[in-house]
Amino acid sequence: MSVRSRVAFATGAAGAVGAALLLSGRFEGSVVLALLLAFSIRTASLASLVDAGPILAAGALRGLRARARLAPVWALAAAAAVARAGSPELGGLRGANAVAGPALVYGPVITVAGSWLAFVAAILALITWVELGAETAGTAPGRVEPPPPVKRLDGIGVLAEAALVVSLFLGPQVVDGIDAAWWVGGMIPLAVVAWYARRLRLPDIAYLPALPASLAALGLALVLVGGAP
């Protein structure tokens, strides 16, 4: 692994630590900071493979292009959640989900519809995954796979992005069991969907950027029209 790849991997690991501290509520911060940290994890795992040989490097470059296409989707979805909560802070989002109710359930009809569109767009961004490995032929056929640490970092990135989606649209401040149920009920389905999307090799929807981006943009527009609850 080259120095550049090591730096990229370390950047992703640092992003994972920062995202965990923010999304777990141990430290307060803005939605923008949480989004940047969560988004950086999977991006850094891909960047750490650009010097890993022609097969992995080709997949990593495709993945980085996909991440670039999905960045506006995440930004628009986060903007919709911030507009609905009326606060750019993670604590403000959790407070809005606790006091006014989760964004996907409570509020003006137009606002709820916009939140759902932004939520779906974020899920599409979450489950988008580019195949990195490849089957090899010759006298010793096999499969080229990324190193285990890189695969683990990518998995952590998926969990961080799932936690971010729950924070934006579902998760309130955890005070009692009902609040915790919203988090568990949001995290488990998202993790399962992301897992099966990878196993089933779904089409790379990042290469249809108009679909998730249009959903997120329309969702933001509806939330702005509908207003906060």
Foldseek 3Di string as FASTA:
>chain_A
DDPQLVVLQVLLVVLLVVLCCDLVVVDKDFLVSNLVSLLSQLLSLLRSCCPVDDQLNVQSVVVNLLSVLLVLLSVLLLLLLCQQQVHRILQSSQALCVPQNFQCPGADPLLNLLNVLSLVLLLLSLQQDTDRKDWDDDPDIDMDDDDPSSVVSNLSSSLSSQSSSCSRGFAHPDDDDVNVCSSVVRRVVSSVSSVVSVVVVDPRCSVVSCRSSVSSNSSSVSNNVRGYD
